[in-house]
Structures are given as C-alpha cells and as structure tokens.
Amino acid sequence: MSLAQQFTWNDFLKKNPDFKKKNVKRTSPEGEKAFKAAFKEYAKAFIKEREAKIKREKERVAKDKNALVTKLKAVDGGKWHLKAKKLNEKIGRFDAYLSKLEALQKKTVQLAKTI
C-alpha cells in the first residue's frame, strides 16, 4: 500500500474537525494546502518510524550473526566440517537479510528526499 493511500482525506478530517465543521472540500485551495501540509507531517513521522525499525532490526541481526560467527570459530572435534557447514548457512542467511535491510534503508532515504 502506498503512502498516499495510508493517509486519506477522511483521516485528515478526523484529525482536524474544524475543517469538517467549515465543510471545506479537498479540492478547494484552503483544503488542498492544509491537506498537503498534514500529509508531509504524516510522511515524515512514517519515515522516522520506519528508519527506527530498520535500525533496531539491523542491530538485532548483527548481534545474532556475531554470536554465530563466534560459535563457528569455536567448532572443533568430530564431524566439525558438518557443523561448520550448518553454521555457515545460517550466517549466510543473516548476511542476505542484512543486505535486504540495507536496500530498504536506501529506499527509505530516497523516499525521504522526494517528500
């Protein structure tokens, strides 16, 4: 769902009941100007929240990945190569997820620039 679909005129009227009392229309100059300002405010809050989520998730994943890397370095004994292979697969999944989060963060920064 796009950001424009998440914040509608009805949402705007719920937050600003004075415009509803005045019976201001969305297409009127006053309504359009007020809606654009409210949408920008909503978008900035949305982007800030999204960036915080991405940051928390990256920290969590990095911590888990480092724990697995430490575990991998400690692998020895019988059938060590099988244990190492499993751990490397898990570490690879974390790497893929981290790169996905990086791409999402870049998209978020780009979205912030366009708004």
PDB file of N, CA and C in Angstrom:
ATOM      1  N   MET A   1       0.847  -1.166   0.000  1.00  0.00           N
ATOM      2  CA  MET A   1       0.000   0.000   0.000  1.00  0.00           C
ATOM      3  C   MET A   1       0.897   1.235   0.000  1.00  0.00           C
ATOM      4  N   SER A   2       0.614   2.150  -0.898  1.00  0.00           N
ATOM      5  CA  SER A   2       1.442   3.339  -0.993  1.00  0.00           C
ATOM      6  C   SER A   2       1.154   4.284   0.168  1.00  0.00           C
ATOM      7  N   LEU A   3       2.079   5.178   0.369  1.00  0.00           N
ATOM      8  CA  LEU A   3       1.961   6.137   1.467  1.00  0.00           C
ATOM      9  C   LEU A   3       0.758   7.050   1.275  1.00  0.00           C
ATOM     10  N   ALA A   4       0.451   7.391   0.027  1.00  0.00           N
ATOM     11  CA  ALA A   4      -0.689   8.260  -0.259  1.00  0.00           C
ATOM     12  C   ALA A   4      -2.010   7.575   0.085  1.00  0.00           C
ATOM     13  N   GLN A   5      -2.052   6.257  -0.016  1.00  0.00           N
ATOM     14  CA  GLN A   5      -3.269   5.523   0.316  1.00  0.00           C
ATOM     15  C   GLN A   5      -3.436   5.356   1.823  1.00  0.00           C
ATOM     16  N   GLN A   6      -2.359   5.506   2.568  1.00  0.00           N
ATOM     17  CA  GLN A   6      -2.427   5.334   4.014  1.00  0.00           C
ATOM     18  C   GLN A   6      -2.979   6.568   4.718  1.00  0.00           C
ATOM     19  N   PHE A   7      -2.877   7.720   4.096  1.00  0.00           N
ATOM     20  CA  PHE A   7      -3.374   8.962   4.698  1.00  0.00           C
ATOM     21  C   PHE A   7      -4.384   9.572   3.735  1.00  0.00           C
ATOM     22  N   THR A   8      -5.647   9.472   4.070  1.00  0.00           N
ATOM     23  CA  THR A   8      -6.711   9.931   3.181  1.00  0.00           C
ATOM     24  C   THR A   8      -7.337  11.212   3.709  1.00  0.00           C
ATOM     25  N   TRP A   9      -8.249  11.756   2.924  1.00  0.00           N
ATOM     26  CA  TRP A   9      -8.961  12.968   3.309  1.00  0.00           C
ATOM     27  C   TRP A   9      -9.784  12.718   4.575  1.00  0.00           C
ATOM     28  N   ASN A  10     -10.364  11.534   4.692  1.00  0.00           N
ATOM     29  CA  ASN A  10     -11.139  11.204   5.895  1.00  0.00           C
ATOM     30  C   ASN A  10     -10.249  11.170   7.139  1.00  0.00           C
ATOM     31  N   ASP A  11      -9.044  10.653   7.001  1.00  0.00           N
ATOM     32  CA  ASP A  11      -8.097  10.665   8.121  1.00  0.00           C
ATOM     33  C   ASP A  11      -7.754  12.097   8.511  1.00  0.00           C
ATOM     34  N   PHE A  12      -7.570  12.924   7.496  1.00  0.00           N
ATOM     35  CA  PHE A  12      -7.269  14.334   7.735  1.00  0.00           C
ATOM     36  C   PHE A  12      -8.415  15.006   8.485  1.00  0.00           C
ATOM     37  N   LEU A  13      -9.649  14.733   8.068  1.00  0.00           N
ATOM     38  CA  LEU A  13     -10.807  15.350   8.722  1.00  0.00           C
ATOM     39  C   LEU A  13     -10.975  14.863  10.161  1.00  0.00           C
ATOM     40  N   LYS A  14     -10.610  13.621  10.432  1.00  0.00           N
ATOM     41  CA  LYS A  14     -10.684  13.116  11.805  1.00  0.00           C
ATOM     42  C   LYS A  14      -9.696  13.840  12.712  1.00  0.00           C
ATOM     43  N   LYS A  15      -8.524  14.156  12.165  1.00  0.00           N
ATOM     44  CA  LYS A  15      -7.516  14.864  12.954  1.00  0.00           C
ATOM     45  C   LYS A  15      -7.793  16.361  13.040  1.00  0.00           C
ATOM     46  N   ASN A  16      -8.525  16.891  12.066  1.00  0.00           N
ATOM     47  CA  ASN A  16      -8.828  18.325  12.015  1.00  0.00           C
ATOM     48  C   ASN A  16     -10.335  18.532  11.877  1.00  0.00           C
ATOM     49  N   PRO A  17     -11.066  18.406  12.958  1.00  0.00           N
ATOM     50  CA  PRO A  17     -12.528  18.515  12.875  1.00  0.00           C
ATOM     51  C   PRO A  17     -13.018  19.916  12.502  1.00  0.00           C
ATOM     52  N   ASP A  18     -12.174  20.932  12.697  1.00  0.00           N
ATOM     53  CA  ASP A  18     -12.586  22.290  12.328  1.00  0.00           C
ATOM     54  C   ASP A  18     -12.802  22.425  10.822  1.00  0.00           C
ATOM     55  N   PHE A  19     -12.035  21.701  10.021  1.00  0.00           N
ATOM     56  CA  PHE A  19     -12.239  21.730   8.571  1.00  0.00           C
ATOM     57  C   PHE A  19     -13.547  21.035   8.195  1.00  0.00           C
ATOM     58  N   LYS A  20     -13.900  20.035   8.962  1.00  0.00           N
ATOM     59  CA  LYS A  20     -15.159  19.339   8.707  1.00  0.00           C
ATOM     60  C   LYS A  20     -16.344  20.248   9.047  1.00  0.00           C
ATOM     61  N   LYS A  21     -16.216  21.005  10.140  1.00  0.00           N
ATOM     62  CA  LYS A  21     -17.285  21.933  10.534  1.00  0.00           C
ATOM     63  C   LYS A  21     -17.461  23.041   9.495  1.00  0.00           C
ATOM     64  N   LYS A  22     -16.336  23.507   8.941  1.00  0.00           N
ATOM     65  CA  LYS A  22     -16.396  24.555   7.910  1.00  0.00           C
ATOM     66  C   LYS A  22     -16.888  24.003   6.578  1.00  0.00           C
ATOM     67  N   ASN A  23     -16.911  22.669   6.470  1.00  0.00           N
ATOM     68  CA  ASN A  23     -17.314  21.985   5.235  1.00  0.00           C
ATOM     69  C   ASN A  23     -16.360  22.315   4.078  1.00  0.00           C
ATOM     70  N   VAL A  24     -15.075  22.334   4.393  1.00  0.00           N
ATOM     71  CA  VAL A  24     -14.042  22.606   3.395  1.00  0.00           C
ATOM     72  C   VAL A  24     -13.848  21.355   2.544  1.00  0.00           C
ATOM     73  N   LYS A  25     -13.786  21.549   1.232  1.00  0.00           N
ATOM     74  CA  LYS A  25     -13.603  20.431   0.302  1.00  0.00           C
ATOM     75  C   LYS A  25     -12.115  20.187   0.048  1.00  0.00           C
ATOM     76  N   ARG A  26     -11.804  18.985  -0.353  1.00  0.00           N
ATOM     77  CA  ARG A  26     -10.416  18.577  -0.607  1.00  0.00           C
ATOM     78  C   ARG A  26      -9.799  19.371  -1.747  1.00  0.00           C
ATOM     79  N   THR A  27     -10.601  19.713  -2.738  1.00  0.00           N
ATOM     80  CA  THR A  27     -10.078  20.381  -3.927  1.00  0.00           C
ATOM     81  C   THR A  27     -10.035  21.895  -3.800  1.00  0.00           C
ATOM     82  N   SER A  28     -10.580  22.442  -2.721  1.00  0.00           N
ATOM     83  CA  SER A  28     -10.525  23.893  -2.546  1.00  0.00           C
ATOM     84  C   SER A  28      -9.086  24.297  -2.219  1.00  0.00           C
ATOM     85  N   PRO A  29      -8.706  25.522  -2.531  1.00  0.00           N
ATOM     86  CA  PRO A  29      -7.320  25.949  -2.263  1.00  0.00           C
ATOM     87  C   PRO A  29      -6.922  25.796  -0.791  1.00  0.00           C
ATOM     88  N   GLU A  30      -7.832  26.177   0.097  1.00  0.00           N
ATOM     89  CA  GLU A  30      -7.545  26.071   1.528  1.00  0.00           C
ATOM     90  C   GLU A  30      -7.401  24.605   1.953  1.00  0.00           C
ATOM     91  N   GLY A  31      -8.295  23.762   1.476  1.00  0.00           N
ATOM     92  CA  GLY A  31      -8.260  22.340   1.813  1.00  0.00           C
ATOM     93  C   GLY A  31      -7.042  21.643   1.247  1.00  0.00           C
ATOM     94  N   GLU A  32      -6.697  21.984   0.021  1.00  0.00           N
ATOM     95  CA  GLU A  32      -5.536  21.365  -0.625  1.00  0.00           C
ATOM     96  C   GLU A  32      -4.245  21.723   0.106  1.00  0.00           C
ATOM     97  N   LYS A  33      -4.119  22.995   0.466  1.00  0.00           N
ATOM     98  CA  LYS A  33      -2.917  23.454   1.160  1.00  0.00           C
ATOM     99  C   LYS A  33      -2.791  22.785   2.536  1.00  0.00           C
ATOM    100  N   ALA A  34      -3.890  22.729   3.269  1.00  0.00           N
ATOM    101  CA  ALA A  34      -3.871  22.120   4.601  1.00  0.00           C
ATOM    102  C   ALA A  34      -3.603  20.619   4.512  1.00  0.00           C
ATOM    103  N   PHE A  35      -4.194  19.968   3.519  1.00  0.00           N
ATOM    104  CA  PHE A  35      -4.002  18.522   3.368  1.00  0.00           C
ATOM    105  C   PHE A  35      -2.554  18.197   3.014  1.00  0.00           C
ATOM    106  N   LYS A  36      -1.954  18.989   2.126  1.00  0.00           N
ATOM    107  CA  LYS A  36      -0.555  18.750   1.755  1.00  0.00           C
ATOM    108  C   LYS A  36       0.359  18.893   2.966  1.00  0.00           C
ATOM    109  N   ALA A  37       0.105  19.911   3.778  1.00  0.00           N
ATOM    110  CA  ALA A  37       0.926  20.117   4.974  1.00  0.00           C
ATOM    111  C   ALA A  37       0.763  18.950   5.953  1.00  0.00           C
ATOM    112  N   ALA A  38      -0.474  18.503   6.140  1.00  0.00           N
ATOM    113  CA  ALA A  38      -0.727  17.381   7.050  1.00  0.00           C
ATOM    114  C   ALA A  38      -0.123  16.089   6.498  1.00  0.00           C
ATOM    115  N   PHE A  39      -0.179  15.913   5.179  1.00  0.00           N
ATOM    116  CA  PHE A  39       0.396  14.716   4.568  1.00  0.00           C
ATOM    117  C   PHE A  39       1.909  14.692   4.747  1.00  0.00           C
ATOM    118  N   LYS A  40       2.562  15.834   4.566  1.00  0.00           N
ATOM    119  CA  LYS A  40       4.013  15.893   4.753  1.00  0.00           C
ATOM    120  C   LYS A  40       4.381  15.552   6.193  1.00  0.00           C
ATOM    121  N   GLU A  41       3.599  16.063   7.120  1.00  0.00           N
ATOM    122  CA  GLU A  41       3.837  15.775   8.532  1.00  0.00           C
ATOM    123  C   GLU A  41       3.680  14.274   8.800  1.00  0.00           C
ATOM    124  N   TYR A  42       2.632  13.691   8.245  1.00  0.00           N
ATOM    125  CA  TYR A  42       2.388  12.251   8.404  1.00  0.00           C
ATOM    126  C   TYR A  42       3.526  11.445   7.768  1.00  0.00           C
ATOM    127  N   ALA A  43       3.955  11.850   6.588  1.00  0.00           N
ATOM    128  CA  ALA A  43       5.008  11.126   5.875  1.00  0.00           C
ATOM    129  C   ALA A  43       6.327  11.183   6.643  1.00  0.00           C
ATOM    130  N   LYS A  44       6.650  12.338   7.205  1.00  0.00           N
ATOM    131  CA  LYS A  44       7.894  12.459   7.970  1.00  0.00           C
ATOM    132  C   LYS A  44       7.868  11.555   9.200  1.00  0.00           C
ATOM    133  N   ALA A  45       6.728  11.508   9.876  1.00  0.00           N
ATOM    134  CA  ALA A  45       6.600  10.629  11.045  1.00  0.00           C
ATOM    135  C   ALA A  45       6.711   9.164  10.622  1.00  0.00           C
ATOM    136  N   PHE A  46       6.107   8.831   9.487  1.00  0.00           N
ATOM    137  CA  PHE A  46       6.154   7.464   8.967  1.00  0.00           C
ATOM    138  C   PHE A  46       7.593   7.063   8.642  1.00  0.00           C
ATOM    139  N   ILE A  47       8.311   7.946   7.987  1.00  0.00           N
ATOM    140  CA  ILE A  47       9.691   7.656   7.597  1.00  0.00           C
ATOM    141  C   ILE A  47      10.586   7.530   8.828  1.00  0.00           C
ATOM    142  N   LYS A  48      10.384   8.407   9.803  1.00  0.00           N
ATOM    143  CA  LYS A  48      11.188   8.345  11.019  1.00  0.00           C
ATOM    144  C   LYS A  48      10.954   7.015  11.747  1.00  0.00           C
ATOM    145  N   GLU A  49       9.704   6.585  11.801  1.00  0.00           N
ATOM    146  CA  GLU A  49       9.357   5.311  12.438  1.00  0.00           C
ATOM    147  C   GLU A  49       9.974   4.140  11.675  1.00  0.00           C
ATOM    148  N   ARG A  50       9.918   4.208  10.355  1.00  0.00           N
ATOM    149  CA  ARG A  50      10.476   3.135   9.529  1.00  0.00           C
ATOM    150  C   ARG A  50      11.988   3.039   9.704  1.00  0.00           C
ATOM    151  N   GLU A  51      12.666   4.192   9.748  1.00  0.00           N
ATOM    152  CA  GLU A  51      14.113   4.190   9.938  1.00  0.00           C
ATOM    153  C   GLU A  51      14.488   3.608  11.298  1.00  0.00           C
ATOM    154  N   ALA A  52      13.699   3.922  12.321  1.00  0.00           N
ATOM    155  CA  ALA A  52      13.969   3.380  13.655  1.00  0.00           C
ATOM    156  C   ALA A  52      13.803   1.860  13.667  1.00  0.00           C
ATOM    157  N   LYS A  53      12.771   1.358  12.984  1.00  0.00           N
ATOM    158  CA  LYS A  53      12.555  -0.093  12.911  1.00  0.00           C
ATOM    159  C   LYS A  53      13.722  -0.777  12.210  1.00  0.00           C
ATOM    160  N   ILE A  54      14.159  -0.190  11.105  1.00  0.00           N
ATOM    161  CA  ILE A  54      15.269  -0.773  10.344  1.00  0.00           C
ATOM    162  C   ILE A  54      16.533  -0.798  11.196  1.00  0.00           C
ATOM    163  N   LYS A  55      16.779   0.286  11.913  1.00  0.00           N
ATOM    164  CA  LYS A  55      17.976   0.367  12.752  1.00  0.00           C
ATOM    165  C   LYS A  55      17.946  -0.703  13.846  1.00  0.00           C
ATOM    166  N   ARG A  56      16.798  -0.857  14.523  1.00  0.00           N
ATOM    167  CA  ARG A  56      16.673  -1.874  15.573  1.00  0.00           C
ATOM    168  C   ARG A  56      16.873  -3.277  14.998  1.00  0.00           C
ATOM    169  N   GLU A  57      16.285  -3.515  13.851  1.00  0.00           N
ATOM    170  CA  GLU A  57      16.381  -4.840  13.230  1.00  0.00           C
ATOM    171  C   GLU A  57      17.824  -5.137  12.810  1.00  0.00           C
ATOM    172  N   LYS A  58      18.524  -4.139  12.265  1.00  0.00           N
ATOM    173  CA  LYS A  58      19.916  -4.337  11.864  1.00  0.00           C
ATOM    174  C   LYS A  58      20.789  -4.655  13.074  1.00  0.00           C
ATOM    175  N   GLU A  59      20.548  -3.957  14.177  1.00  0.00           N
ATOM    176  CA  GLU A  59      21.324  -4.222  15.390  1.00  0.00           C
ATOM    177  C   GLU A  59      21.063  -5.633  15.906  1.00  0.00           C
ATOM    178  N   ARG A  60      19.803  -6.048  15.884  1.00  0.00           N
ATOM    179  CA  ARG A  60      19.443  -7.385  16.362  1.00  0.00           C
ATOM    180  C   ARG A  60      20.090  -8.466  15.498  1.00  0.00           C
ATOM    181  N   VAL A  61      20.012  -8.289  14.187  1.00  0.00           N
ATOM    182  CA  VAL A  61      20.563  -9.284  13.262  1.00  0.00           C
ATOM    183  C   VAL A  61      22.084  -9.337  13.372  1.00  0.00           C
ATOM    184  N   ALA A  62      22.723  -8.174  13.496  1.00  0.00           N
ATOM    185  CA  ALA A  62      24.179  -8.146  13.618  1.00  0.00           C
ATOM    186  C   ALA A  62      24.624  -8.864  14.894  1.00  0.00           C
ATOM    187  N   LYS A  63      23.885  -8.664  15.967  1.00  0.00           N
ATOM    188  CA  LYS A  63      24.207  -9.331  17.235  1.00  0.00           C
ATOM    189  C   LYS A  63      24.088 -10.851  17.087  1.00  0.00           C
ATOM    190  N   ASP A  64      23.001 -11.313  16.481  1.00  0.00           N
ATOM    191  CA  ASP A  64      22.803 -12.750  16.279  1.00  0.00           C
ATOM    192  C   ASP A  64      23.871 -13.333  15.353  1.00  0.00           C
ATOM    193  N   LYS A  65      24.220 -12.586  14.319  1.00  0.00           N
ATOM    194  CA  LYS A  65      25.236 -13.058  13.373  1.00  0.00           C
ATOM    195  C   LYS A  65      26.597 -13.171  14.066  1.00  0.00           C
ATOM    196  N   ASN A  66      26.931 -12.183  14.883  1.00  0.00           N
ATOM    197  CA  ASN A  66      28.209 -12.230  15.598  1.00  0.00           C
ATOM    198  C   ASN A  66      28.263 -13.420  16.559  1.00  0.00           C
ATOM    199  N   ALA A  67      27.129 -13.745  17.170  1.00  0.00           N
ATOM    200  CA  ALA A  67      27.087 -14.916  18.052  1.00  0.00           C
ATOM    201  C   ALA A  67      27.354 -16.194  17.254  1.00  0.00           C
ATOM    202  N   LEU A  68      26.785 -16.278  16.060  1.00  0.00           N
ATOM    203  CA  LEU A  68      27.020 -17.459  15.221  1.00  0.00           C
ATOM    204  C   LEU A  68      28.467 -17.531  14.740  1.00  0.00           C
ATOM    205  N   VAL A  69      29.050 -16.382  14.416  1.00  0.00           N
ATOM    206  CA  VAL A  69      30.449 -16.362  13.967  1.00  0.00           C
ATOM    207  C   VAL A  69      31.357 -16.825  15.101  1.00  0.00           C
ATOM    208  N   THR A  70      31.059 -16.383  16.315  1.00  0.00           N
ATOM    209  CA  THR A  70      31.837 -16.823  17.475  1.00  0.00           C
ATOM    210  C   THR A  70      31.700 -18.328  17.668  1.00  0.00           C
ATOM    211  N   LYS A  71      30.498 -18.815  17.501  1.00  0.00           N
ATOM    212  CA  LYS A  71      30.240 -20.253  17.625  1.00  0.00           C
ATOM    213  C   LYS A  71      30.992 -21.021  16.534  1.00  0.00           C
ATOM    214  N   LEU A  72      31.041 -20.450  15.332  1.00  0.00           N
ATOM    215  CA  LEU A  72      31.735 -21.094  14.214  1.00  0.00           C
ATOM    216  C   LEU A  72      33.235 -21.197  14.485  1.00  0.00           C
ATOM    217  N   LYS A  73      33.806 -20.153  15.069  1.00  0.00           N
ATOM    218  CA  LYS A  73      35.239 -20.167  15.358  1.00  0.00           C
ATOM    219  C   LYS A  73      35.591 -21.204  16.424  1.00  0.00           C
ATOM    220  N   ALA A  74      34.619 -21.529  17.264  1.00  0.00           N
ATOM    221  CA  ALA A  74      34.865 -22.487  18.344  1.00  0.00           C
ATOM    222  C   ALA A  74      34.609 -23.937  17.924  1.00  0.00           C
ATOM    223  N   VAL A  75      34.150 -24.159  16.695  1.00  0.00           N
ATOM    224  CA  VAL A  75      33.825 -25.518  16.241  1.00  0.00           C
ATOM    225  C   VAL A  75      35.100 -26.340  16.087  1.00  0.00           C
ATOM    226  N   ASP A  76      35.100 -27.519  16.702  1.00  0.00           N
ATOM    227  CA  ASP A  76      36.189 -28.477  16.519  1.00  0.00           C
ATOM    228  C   ASP A  76      35.679 -29.854  16.919  1.00  0.00           C
ATOM    229  N   GLY A  77      36.515 -30.833  16.851  1.00  0.00           N
ATOM    230  CA  GLY A  77      36.107 -32.185  17.237  1.00  0.00           C
ATOM    231  C   GLY A  77      35.614 -32.974  16.038  1.00  0.00           C
ATOM    232  N   GLY A  78      34.918 -34.061  16.349  1.00  0.00           N
ATOM    233  CA  GLY A  78      34.423 -34.943  15.299  1.00  0.00           C
ATOM    234  C   GLY A  78      33.350 -34.286  14.454  1.00  0.00           C
ATOM    235  N   LYS A  79      33.426 -34.561  13.181  1.00  0.00           N
ATOM    236  CA  LYS A  79      32.477 -34.029  12.190  1.00  0.00           C
ATOM    237  C   LYS A  79      32.375 -32.498  12.247  1.00  0.00           C
ATOM    238  N   TRP A  80      33.498 -31.838  12.465  1.00  0.00           N
ATOM    239  CA  TRP A  80      33.499 -30.381  12.577  1.00  0.00           C
ATOM    240  C   TRP A  80      33.060 -29.718  11.288  1.00  0.00           C
ATOM    241  N   HIS A  81      33.389 -30.341  10.136  1.00  0.00           N
ATOM    242  CA  HIS A  81      33.050 -29.723   8.855  1.00  0.00           C
ATOM    243  C   HIS A  81      31.538 -29.675   8.637  1.00  0.00           C
ATOM    244  N   LEU A  82      30.804 -30.667   9.158  1.00  0.00           N
ATOM    245  CA  LEU A  82      29.342 -30.651   9.025  1.00  0.00           C
ATOM    246  C   LEU A  82      28.725 -29.551   9.896  1.00  0.00           C
ATOM    247  N   LYS A  83      29.264 -29.408  11.106  1.00  0.00           N
ATOM    248  CA  LYS A  83      28.785 -28.347  11.998  1.00  0.00           C
ATOM    249  C   LYS A  83      29.089 -26.971  11.398  1.00  0.00           C
ATOM    250  N   ALA A  84      30.294 -26.853  10.850  1.00  0.00           N
ATOM    251  CA  ALA A  84      30.700 -25.580  10.259  1.00  0.00           C
ATOM    252  C   ALA A  84      29.832 -25.241   9.050  1.00  0.00           C
ATOM    253  N   LYS A  85      29.484 -26.259   8.271  1.00  0.00           N
ATOM    254  CA  LYS A  85      28.647 -26.029   7.090  1.00  0.00           C
ATOM    255  C   LYS A  85      27.276 -25.493   7.496  1.00  0.00           C
ATOM    256  N   LYS A  86      26.682 -26.076   8.531  1.00  0.00           N
ATOM    257  CA  LYS A  86      25.376 -25.608   9.005  1.00  0.00           C
ATOM    258  C   LYS A  86      25.455 -24.170   9.506  1.00  0.00           C
ATOM    259  N   LEU A  87      26.495 -23.891  10.274  1.00  0.00           N
ATOM    260  CA  LEU A  87      26.654 -22.532  10.807  1.00  0.00           C
ATOM    261  C   LEU A  87      26.882 -21.523   9.683  1.00  0.00           C
ATOM    262  N   ASN A  88      27.668 -21.924   8.674  1.00  0.00           N
ATOM    263  CA  ASN A  88      27.908 -21.025   7.543  1.00  0.00           C
ATOM    264  C   ASN A  88      26.619 -20.729   6.781  1.00  0.00           C
ATOM    265  N   GLU A  89      25.740 -21.724   6.671  1.00  0.00           N
ATOM    266  CA  GLU A  89      24.448 -21.494   6.015  1.00  0.00           C
ATOM    267  C   GLU A  89      23.622 -20.468   6.785  1.00  0.00           C
ATOM    268  N   LYS A  90      23.601 -20.613   8.111  1.00  0.00           N
ATOM    269  CA  LYS A  90      22.849 -19.663   8.939  1.00  0.00           C
ATOM    270  C   LYS A  90      23.439 -18.256   8.834  1.00  0.00           C
ATOM    271  N   ILE A  91      24.767 -18.183   8.853  1.00  0.00           N
ATOM    272  CA  ILE A  91      25.434 -16.883   8.737  1.00  0.00           C
ATOM    273  C   ILE A  91      25.124 -16.257   7.382  1.00  0.00           C
ATOM    274  N   GLY A  92      25.091 -17.075   6.338  1.00  0.00           N
ATOM    275  CA  GLY A  92      24.753 -16.582   5.002  1.00  0.00           C
ATOM    276  C   GLY A  92      23.348 -16.009   4.947  1.00  0.00           C
ATOM    277  N   ARG A  93      22.418 -16.640   5.650  1.00  0.00           N
ATOM    278  CA  ARG A  93      21.046 -16.119   5.694  1.00  0.00           C
ATOM    279  C   ARG A  93      21.007 -14.757   6.374  1.00  0.00           C
ATOM    280  N   PHE A  94      21.779 -14.625   7.454  1.00  0.00           N
ATOM    281  CA  PHE A  94      21.836 -13.332   8.137  1.00  0.00           C
ATOM    282  C   PHE A  94      22.454 -12.268   7.235  1.00  0.00           C
ATOM    283  N   ASP A  95      23.493 -12.648   6.470  1.00  0.00           N
ATOM    284  CA  ASP A  95      24.109 -11.704   5.534  1.00  0.00           C
ATOM    285  C   ASP A  95      23.102 -11.240   4.486  1.00  0.00           C
ATOM    286  N   ALA A  96      22.327 -12.189   3.968  1.00  0.00           N
ATOM    287  CA  ALA A  96      21.320 -11.841   2.960  1.00  0.00           C
ATOM    288  C   ALA A  96      20.275 -10.898   3.550  1.00  0.00           C
ATOM    289  N   TYR A  97      19.856 -11.169   4.769  1.00  0.00           N
ATOM    290  CA  TYR A  97      18.853 -10.318   5.419  1.00  0.00           C
ATOM    291  C   TYR A  97      19.416  -8.927   5.694  1.00  0.00           C
ATOM    292  N   LEU A  98      20.688  -8.865   6.085  1.00  0.00           N
ATOM    293  CA  LEU A  98      21.316  -7.559   6.308  1.00  0.00           C
ATOM    294  C   LEU A  98      21.385  -6.744   5.020  1.00  0.00           C
ATOM    295  N   SER A  99      21.697  -7.402   3.908  1.00  0.00           N
ATOM    296  CA  SER A  99      21.749  -6.677   2.634  1.00  0.00           C
ATOM    297  C   SER A  99      20.351  -6.218   2.222  1.00  0.00           C
ATOM    298  N   LYS A 100      19.345  -7.026   2.528  1.00  0.00           N
ATOM    299  CA  LYS A 100      17.962  -6.636   2.250  1.00  0.00           C
ATOM    300  C   LYS A 100      17.577  -5.406   3.076  1.00  0.00           C
ATOM    301  N   LEU A 101      18.003  -5.382   4.337  1.00  0.00           N
ATOM    302  CA  LEU A 101      17.733  -4.220   5.191  1.00  0.00           C
ATOM    303  C   LEU A 101      18.460  -2.976   4.683  1.00  0.00           C
ATOM    304  N   GLU A 102      19.675  -3.162   4.167  1.00  0.00           N
ATOM    305  CA  GLU A 102      20.421  -2.035   3.592  1.00  0.00           C
ATOM    306  C   GLU A 102      19.665  -1.439   2.411  1.00  0.00           C
ATOM    307  N   ALA A 103      19.153  -2.313   1.542  1.00  0.00           N
ATOM    308  CA  ALA A 103      18.393  -1.843   0.381  1.00  0.00           C
ATOM    309  C   ALA A 103      17.134  -1.114   0.828  1.00  0.00           C
ATOM    310  N   LEU A 104      16.471  -1.627   1.847  1.00  0.00           N
ATOM    311  CA  LEU A 104      15.269  -0.982   2.369  1.00  0.00           C
ATOM    312  C   LEU A 104      15.596   0.378   2.970  1.00  0.00           C
ATOM    313  N   GLN A 105      16.745   0.463   3.625  1.00  0.00           N
ATOM    314  CA  GLN A 105      17.159   1.738   4.204  1.00  0.00           C
ATOM    315  C   GLN A 105      17.450   2.762   3.100  1.00  0.00           C
ATOM    316  N   LYS A 106      18.070   2.326   2.007  1.00  0.00           N
ATOM    317  CA  LYS A 106      18.335   3.232   0.886  1.00  0.00           C
ATOM    318  C   LYS A 106      17.031   3.728   0.269  1.00  0.00           C
ATOM    319  N   LYS A 107      16.046   2.820   0.140  1.00  0.00           N
ATOM    320  CA  LYS A 107      14.743   3.220  -0.395  1.00  0.00           C
ATOM    321  C   LYS A 107      14.062   4.229   0.524  1.00  0.00           C
ATOM    322  N   THR A 108      14.213   4.039   1.821  1.00  0.00           N
ATOM    323  CA  THR A 108      13.616   4.950   2.790  1.00  0.00           C
ATOM    324  C   THR A 108      14.261   6.327   2.698  1.00  0.00           C
ATOM    325  N   VAL A 109      15.566   6.365   2.551  1.00  0.00           N
ATOM    326  CA  VAL A 109      16.266   7.646   2.404  1.00  0.00           C
ATOM    327  C   VAL A 109      15.819   8.338   1.121  1.00  0.00           C
ATOM    328  N   GLN A 110      15.678   7.572   0.048  1.00  0.00           N
ATOM    329  CA  GLN A 110      15.216   8.134  -1.226  1.00  0.00           C
ATOM    330  C   GLN A 110      13.795   8.674  -1.094  1.00  0.00           C
ATOM    331  N   LEU A 111      12.944   7.952  -0.385  1.00  0.00           N
ATOM    332  CA  LEU A 111      11.570   8.391  -0.154  1.00  0.00           C
ATOM    333  C   LEU A 111      11.544   9.686   0.648  1.00  0.00           C
ATOM    334  N   ALA A 112      12.437   9.784   1.628  1.00  0.00           N
ATOM    335  CA  ALA A 112      12.502  10.997   2.442  1.00  0.00           C
ATOM    336  C   ALA A 112      12.912  12.201   1.593  1.00  0.00           C
ATOM    337  N   LYS A 113      13.778  11.976   0.612  1.00  0.00           N
ATOM    338  CA  LYS A 113      14.211  13.077  -0.256  1.00  0.00           C
ATOM    339  C   LYS A 113      13.087  13.559  -1.160  1.00  0.00           C
ATOM    340  N   THR A 114      12.242  12.635  -1.615  1.00  0.00           N
ATOM    341  CA  THR A 114      11.177  13.019  -2.541  1.00  0.00           C
ATOM    342  C   THR A 114      10.017  13.721  -1.846  1.00  0.00           C
ATOM    343  N   ILE A 115       9.897  13.541  -0.538  1.00  0.00           N
ATOM    344  CA  ILE A 115       8.768  14.160   0.175  1.00  0.00           C
ATOM    345  C   ILE A 115       9.103  15.516   0.680  1.00  0.00           C
TER     346      ILE A 115
END
